[in-house]
Amino acid sequence: MSKMITTPQLQDPDLLYEQLLDAQQDMTPEQVQDFSARLILLLANQIGDAAVLGECIQAAREAG
């Protein structure tokens, strides 16, 4: 049974998108990649559950 939440949880997805774009403004592609990696690790730490993170990783891989 999946522990991963698949229903939308964001209260304001447009705001999140805007914040992500603003944060990456004036970054080189390498800096964007480093930023993304740091953000992923920070968000993974907020989730904290290895099983849920594994499901998310697999889902993201399959979606690509």
PDB file of N, CA and C in Angstrom:
ATOM      1  N   MET A   1       0.842  -1.185   0.000  1.00  0.00           N
ATOM      2  CA  MET A   1       0.000   0.000   0.000  1.00  0.00           C
ATOM      3  C   MET A   1       0.882   1.242   0.000  1.00  0.00           C
ATOM      4  N   SER A   2       0.562   2.162  -0.857  1.00  0.00           N
ATOM      5  CA  SER A   2       1.357   3.376  -1.009  1.00  0.00           C
ATOM      6  C   SER A   2       1.131   4.347   0.141  1.00  0.00           C
ATOM      7  N   LYS A   3       2.224   4.902   0.619  1.00  0.00           N
ATOM      8  CA  LYS A   3       2.151   5.960   1.617  1.00  0.00           C
ATOM      9  C   LYS A   3       2.277   7.335   0.958  1.00  0.00           C
ATOM     10  N   MET A   4       2.658   7.317  -0.318  1.00  0.00           N
ATOM     11  CA  MET A   4       2.868   8.565  -1.033  1.00  0.00           C
ATOM     12  C   MET A   4       1.525   9.256  -1.265  1.00  0.00           C
ATOM     13  N   ILE A   5       1.486  10.539  -0.976  1.00  0.00           N
ATOM     14  CA  ILE A   5       0.281  11.348  -1.207  1.00  0.00           C
ATOM     15  C   ILE A   5       0.253  11.717  -2.685  1.00  0.00           C
ATOM     16  N   THR A   6      -0.832  11.383  -3.363  1.00  0.00           N
ATOM     17  CA  THR A   6      -0.925  11.689  -4.788  1.00  0.00           C
ATOM     18  C   THR A   6      -1.984  12.739  -5.101  1.00  0.00           C
ATOM     19  N   THR A   7      -2.740  13.153  -4.097  1.00  0.00           N
ATOM     20  CA  THR A   7      -3.718  14.212  -4.314  1.00  0.00           C
ATOM     21  C   THR A   7      -3.032  15.565  -4.126  1.00  0.00           C
ATOM     22  N   PRO A   8      -3.445  16.577  -4.873  1.00  0.00           N
ATOM     23  CA  PRO A   8      -2.808  17.888  -4.748  1.00  0.00           C
ATOM     24  C   PRO A   8      -2.890  18.421  -3.311  1.00  0.00           C
ATOM     25  N   GLN A   9      -1.765  18.903  -2.810  1.00  0.00           N
ATOM     26  CA  GLN A   9      -1.679  19.428  -1.453  1.00  0.00           C
ATOM     27  C   GLN A   9      -1.279  20.906  -1.412  1.00  0.00           C
ATOM     28  N   LEU A  10      -0.804  21.439  -2.526  1.00  0.00           N
ATOM     29  CA  LEU A  10      -0.343  22.827  -2.547  1.00  0.00           C
ATOM     30  C   LEU A  10      -1.518  23.782  -2.480  1.00  0.00           C
ATOM     31  N   GLN A  11      -1.435  24.747  -1.580  1.00  0.00           N
ATOM     32  CA  GLN A  11      -2.490  25.747  -1.468  1.00  0.00           C
ATOM     33  C   GLN A  11      -2.425  26.762  -2.608  1.00  0.00           C
ATOM     34  N   ASP A  12      -1.204  27.071  -3.064  1.00  0.00           N
ATOM     35  CA  ASP A  12      -1.032  28.055  -4.126  1.00  0.00           C
ATOM     36  C   ASP A  12       0.110  27.614  -5.044  1.00  0.00           C
ATOM     37  N   PRO A  13      -0.166  26.690  -5.968  1.00  0.00           N
ATOM     38  CA  PRO A  13       0.901  26.191  -6.835  1.00  0.00           C
ATOM     39  C   PRO A  13       1.527  27.273  -7.706  1.00  0.00           C
ATOM     40  N   ASP A  14       0.752  28.271  -8.087  1.00  0.00           N
ATOM     41  CA  ASP A  14       1.311  29.355  -8.901  1.00  0.00           C
ATOM     42  C   ASP A  14       2.357  30.146  -8.121  1.00  0.00           C
ATOM     43  N   LEU A  15       2.116  30.356  -6.835  1.00  0.00           N
ATOM     44  CA  LEU A  15       3.085  31.054  -6.000  1.00  0.00           C
ATOM     45  C   LEU A  15       4.375  30.239  -5.886  1.00  0.00           C
ATOM     46  N   LEU A  16       4.245  28.942  -5.695  1.00  0.00           N
ATOM     47  CA  LEU A  16       5.429  28.083  -5.618  1.00  0.00           C
ATOM     48  C   LEU A  16       6.228  28.169  -6.907  1.00  0.00           C
ATOM     49  N   TYR A  17       5.550  28.086  -8.034  1.00  0.00           N
ATOM     50  CA  TYR A  17       6.223  28.170  -9.326  1.00  0.00           C
ATOM     51  C   TYR A  17       6.960  29.504  -9.459  1.00  0.00           C
ATOM     52  N   GLU A  18       6.308  30.578  -9.075  1.00  0.00           N
ATOM     53  CA  GLU A  18       6.929  31.912  -9.123  1.00  0.00           C
ATOM     54  C   GLU A  18       8.158  31.980  -8.225  1.00  0.00           C
ATOM     55  N   GLN A  19       8.063  31.412  -7.012  1.00  0.00           N
ATOM     56  CA  GLN A  19       9.199  31.409  -6.087  1.00  0.00           C
ATOM     57  C   GLN A  19      10.372  30.615  -6.650  1.00  0.00           C
ATOM     58  N   LEU A  20      10.080  29.488  -7.287  1.00  0.00           N
ATOM     59  CA  LEU A  20      11.146  28.686  -7.891  1.00  0.00           C
ATOM     60  C   LEU A  20      11.827  29.440  -9.021  1.00  0.00           C
ATOM     61  N   LEU A  21      11.034  30.079  -9.868  1.00  0.00           N
ATOM     62  CA  LEU A  21      11.619  30.860 -10.957  1.00  0.00           C
ATOM     63  C   LEU A  21      12.453  32.019 -10.429  1.00  0.00           C
ATOM     64  N   ASP A  22      11.929  32.733  -9.433  1.00  0.00           N
ATOM     65  CA  ASP A  22      12.659  33.859  -8.849  1.00  0.00           C
ATOM     66  C   ASP A  22      13.976  33.411  -8.219  1.00  0.00           C
ATOM     67  N   ALA A  23      13.941  32.270  -7.539  1.00  0.00           N
ATOM     68  CA  ALA A  23      15.146  31.771  -6.866  1.00  0.00           C
ATOM     69  C   ALA A  23      16.238  31.410  -7.864  1.00  0.00           C
ATOM     70  N   GLN A  24      15.850  31.021  -9.074  1.00  0.00           N
ATOM     71  CA  GLN A  24      16.823  30.579 -10.072  1.00  0.00           C
ATOM     72  C   GLN A  24      17.249  31.681 -11.036  1.00  0.00           C
ATOM     73  N   GLN A  25      16.650  32.840 -10.863  1.00  0.00           N
ATOM     74  CA  GLN A  25      16.965  33.956 -11.754  1.00  0.00           C
ATOM     75  C   GLN A  25      18.453  34.282 -11.672  1.00  0.00           C
ATOM     76  N   ASP A  26      19.057  34.513 -12.822  1.00  0.00           N
ATOM     77  CA  ASP A  26      20.466  34.885 -12.947  1.00  0.00           C
ATOM     78  C   ASP A  26      21.434  33.773 -12.548  1.00  0.00           C
ATOM     79  N   MET A  27      20.968  32.533 -12.427  1.00  0.00           N
ATOM     80  CA  MET A  27      21.853  31.402 -12.132  1.00  0.00           C
ATOM     81  C   MET A  27      22.311  30.761 -13.433  1.00  0.00           C
ATOM     82  N   THR A  28      23.512  30.232 -13.404  1.00  0.00           N
ATOM     83  CA  THR A  28      23.996  29.437 -14.524  1.00  0.00           C
ATOM     84  C   THR A  28      23.299  28.073 -14.472  1.00  0.00           C
ATOM     85  N   PRO A  29      23.320  27.314 -15.556  1.00  0.00           N
ATOM     86  CA  PRO A  29      22.734  25.969 -15.510  1.00  0.00           C
ATOM     87  C   PRO A  29      23.332  25.102 -14.392  1.00  0.00           C
ATOM     88  N   GLU A  30      24.610  25.241 -14.140  1.00  0.00           N
ATOM     89  CA  GLU A  30      25.253  24.476 -13.073  1.00  0.00           C
ATOM     90  C   GLU A  30      24.736  24.906 -11.696  1.00  0.00           C
ATOM     91  N   GLN A  31      24.544  26.207 -11.519  1.00  0.00           N
ATOM     92  CA  GLN A  31      24.003  26.709 -10.257  1.00  0.00           C
ATOM     93  C   GLN A  31      22.558  26.257 -10.053  1.00  0.00           C
ATOM     94  N   VAL A  32      21.782  26.214 -11.135  1.00  0.00           N
ATOM     95  CA  VAL A  32      20.403  25.729 -11.048  1.00  0.00           C
ATOM     96  C   VAL A  32      20.392  24.263 -10.636  1.00  0.00           C
ATOM     97  N   GLN A  33      21.293  23.484 -11.206  1.00  0.00           N
ATOM     98  CA  GLN A  33      21.381  22.070 -10.853  1.00  0.00           C
ATOM     99  C   GLN A  33      21.761  21.900  -9.384  1.00  0.00           C
ATOM    100  N   ASP A  34      22.718  22.667  -8.907  1.00  0.00           N
ATOM    101  CA  ASP A  34      23.114  22.611  -7.492  1.00  0.00           C
ATOM    102  C   ASP A  34      21.975  23.057  -6.580  1.00  0.00           C
ATOM    103  N   PHE A  35      21.296  24.133  -6.958  1.00  0.00           N
ATOM    104  CA  PHE A  35      20.144  24.619  -6.199  1.00  0.00           C
ATOM    105  C   PHE A  35      19.074  23.535  -6.109  1.00  0.00           C
ATOM    106  N   SER A  36      18.771  22.914  -7.242  1.00  0.00           N
ATOM    107  CA  SER A  36      17.740  21.871  -7.271  1.00  0.00           C
ATOM    108  C   SER A  36      18.109  20.701  -6.366  1.00  0.00           C
ATOM    109  N   ALA A  37      19.366  20.302  -6.388  1.00  0.00           N
ATOM    110  CA  ALA A  37      19.816  19.199  -5.538  1.00  0.00           C
ATOM    111  C   ALA A  37      19.678  19.569  -4.063  1.00  0.00           C
ATOM    112  N   ARG A  38      20.074  20.792  -3.702  1.00  0.00           N
ATOM    113  CA  ARG A  38      19.948  21.221  -2.305  1.00  0.00           C
ATOM    114  C   ARG A  38      18.479  21.273  -1.879  1.00  0.00           C
ATOM    115  N   LEU A  39      17.624  21.793  -2.765  1.00  0.00           N
ATOM    116  CA  LEU A  39      16.197  21.883  -2.456  1.00  0.00           C
ATOM    117  C   LEU A  39      15.592  20.485  -2.282  1.00  0.00           C
ATOM    118  N   ILE A  40      15.949  19.556  -3.145  1.00  0.00           N
ATOM    119  CA  ILE A  40      15.451  18.183  -3.029  1.00  0.00           C
ATOM    120  C   ILE A  40      15.844  17.590  -1.684  1.00  0.00           C
ATOM    121  N   LEU A  41      17.089  17.784  -1.271  1.00  0.00           N
ATOM    122  CA  LEU A  41      17.543  17.231   0.009  1.00  0.00           C
ATOM    123  C   LEU A  41      16.819  17.880   1.185  1.00  0.00           C
ATOM    124  N   LEU A  42      16.597  19.182   1.125  1.00  0.00           N
ATOM    125  CA  LEU A  42      15.858  19.860   2.194  1.00  0.00           C
ATOM    126  C   LEU A  42      14.418  19.359   2.275  1.00  0.00           C
ATOM    127  N   LEU A  43      13.767  19.204   1.134  1.00  0.00           N
ATOM    128  CA  LEU A  43      12.391  18.714   1.119  1.00  0.00           C
ATOM    129  C   LEU A  43      12.313  17.252   1.550  1.00  0.00           C
ATOM    130  N   ALA A  44      13.290  16.449   1.130  1.00  0.00           N
ATOM    131  CA  ALA A  44      13.328  15.047   1.555  1.00  0.00           C
ATOM    132  C   ALA A  44      13.469  14.950   3.065  1.00  0.00           C
ATOM    133  N   ASN A  45      14.248  15.842   3.649  1.00  0.00           N
ATOM    134  CA  ASN A  45      14.409  15.853   5.099  1.00  0.00           C
ATOM    135  C   ASN A  45      13.081  16.188   5.783  1.00  0.00           C
ATOM    136  N   GLN A  46      12.270  17.041   5.164  1.00  0.00           N
ATOM    137  CA  GLN A  46      10.965  17.380   5.731  1.00  0.00           C
ATOM    138  C   GLN A  46      10.030  16.172   5.714  1.00  0.00           C
ATOM    139  N   ILE A  47      10.127  15.365   4.661  1.00  0.00           N
ATOM    140  CA  ILE A  47       9.306  14.152   4.567  1.00  0.00           C
ATOM    141  C   ILE A  47       9.809  13.110   5.550  1.00  0.00           C
ATOM    142  N   GLY A  48      11.102  12.834   5.475  1.00  0.00           N
ATOM    143  CA  GLY A  48      11.763  11.991   6.459  1.00  0.00           C
ATOM    144  C   GLY A  48      11.530  10.497   6.368  1.00  0.00           C
ATOM    145  N   ASP A  49      10.519  10.035   5.693  1.00  0.00           N
ATOM    146  CA  ASP A  49      10.175   8.616   5.621  1.00  0.00           C
ATOM    147  C   ASP A  49      10.825   8.005   4.380  1.00  0.00           C
ATOM    148  N   ALA A  50      11.762   7.098   4.587  1.00  0.00           N
ATOM    149  CA  ALA A  50      12.521   6.514   3.474  1.00  0.00           C
ATOM    150  C   ALA A  50      11.618   5.778   2.490  1.00  0.00           C
ATOM    151  N   ALA A  51      10.583   5.111   2.989  1.00  0.00           N
ATOM    152  CA  ALA A  51       9.675   4.384   2.097  1.00  0.00           C
ATOM    153  C   ALA A  51       8.914   5.347   1.196  1.00  0.00           C
ATOM    154  N   VAL A  52       8.424   6.436   1.758  1.00  0.00           N
ATOM    155  CA  VAL A  52       7.703   7.444   0.972  1.00  0.00           C
ATOM    156  C   VAL A  52       8.644   8.083  -0.038  1.00  0.00           C
ATOM    157  N   LEU A  53       9.847   8.403   0.380  1.00  0.00           N
ATOM    158  CA  LEU A  53      10.822   8.996  -0.533  1.00  0.00           C
ATOM    159  C   LEU A  53      11.142   8.042  -1.680  1.00  0.00           C
ATOM    160  N   GLY A  54      11.273   6.769  -1.376  1.00  0.00           N
ATOM    161  CA  GLY A  54      11.525   5.773  -2.419  1.00  0.00           C
ATOM    162  C   GLY A  54      10.386   5.722  -3.426  1.00  0.00           C
ATOM    163  N   GLU A  55       9.156   5.787  -2.941  1.00  0.00           N
ATOM    164  CA  GLU A  55       8.004   5.797  -3.837  1.00  0.00           C
ATOM    165  C   GLU A  55       8.001   7.050  -4.704  1.00  0.00           C
ATOM    166  N   CYS A  56       8.346   8.175  -4.124  1.00  0.00           N
ATOM    167  CA  CYS A  56       8.396   9.430  -4.875  1.00  0.00           C
ATOM    168  C   CYS A  56       9.474   9.378  -5.961  1.00  0.00           C
ATOM    169  N   ILE A  57      10.615   8.848  -5.612  1.00  0.00           N
ATOM    170  CA  ILE A  57      11.717   8.717  -6.577  1.00  0.00           C
ATOM    171  C   ILE A  57      11.278   7.840  -7.740  1.00  0.00           C
ATOM    172  N   GLN A  58      10.672   6.716  -7.426  1.00  0.00           N
ATOM    173  CA  GLN A  58      10.221   5.796  -8.467  1.00  0.00           C
ATOM    174  C   GLN A  58       9.143   6.442  -9.342  1.00  0.00           C
ATOM    175  N   ALA A  59       8.204   7.128  -8.725  1.00  0.00           N
ATOM    176  CA  ALA A  59       7.130   7.788  -9.485  1.00  0.00           C
ATOM    177  C   ALA A  59       7.694   8.853 -10.407  1.00  0.00           C
ATOM    178  N   ALA A  60       8.658   9.623  -9.925  1.00  0.00           N
ATOM    179  CA  ALA A  60       9.270  10.670 -10.743  1.00  0.00           C
ATOM    180  C   ALA A  60      10.042  10.058 -11.906  1.00  0.00           C
ATOM    181  N   ARG A  61      10.715   8.963 -11.648  1.00  0.00           N
ATOM    182  CA  ARG A  61      11.470   8.289 -12.708  1.00  0.00           C
ATOM    183  C   ARG A  61      10.526   7.751 -13.785  1.00  0.00           C
ATOM    184  N   GLU A  62       9.426   7.148 -13.360  1.00  0.00           N
ATOM    185  CA  GLU A  62       8.467   6.585 -14.317  1.00  0.00           C
ATOM    186  C   GLU A  62       7.748   7.675 -15.119  1.00  0.00           C
ATOM    187  N   ALA A  63       7.563   8.844 -14.496  1.00  0.00           N
ATOM    188  CA  ALA A  63       6.861   9.941 -15.183  1.00  0.00           C
ATOM    189  C   ALA A  63       7.724  10.572 -16.256  1.00  0.00           C
ATOM    190  N   GLY A  64       9.063  10.427 -16.130  1.00  0.00           N
ATOM    191  CA  GLY A  64       9.981  11.052 -17.074  1.00  0.00           C
ATOM    192  C   GLY A  64      10.150  10.216 -18.276  1.00  0.00           C
TER     193      GLY A  64
END
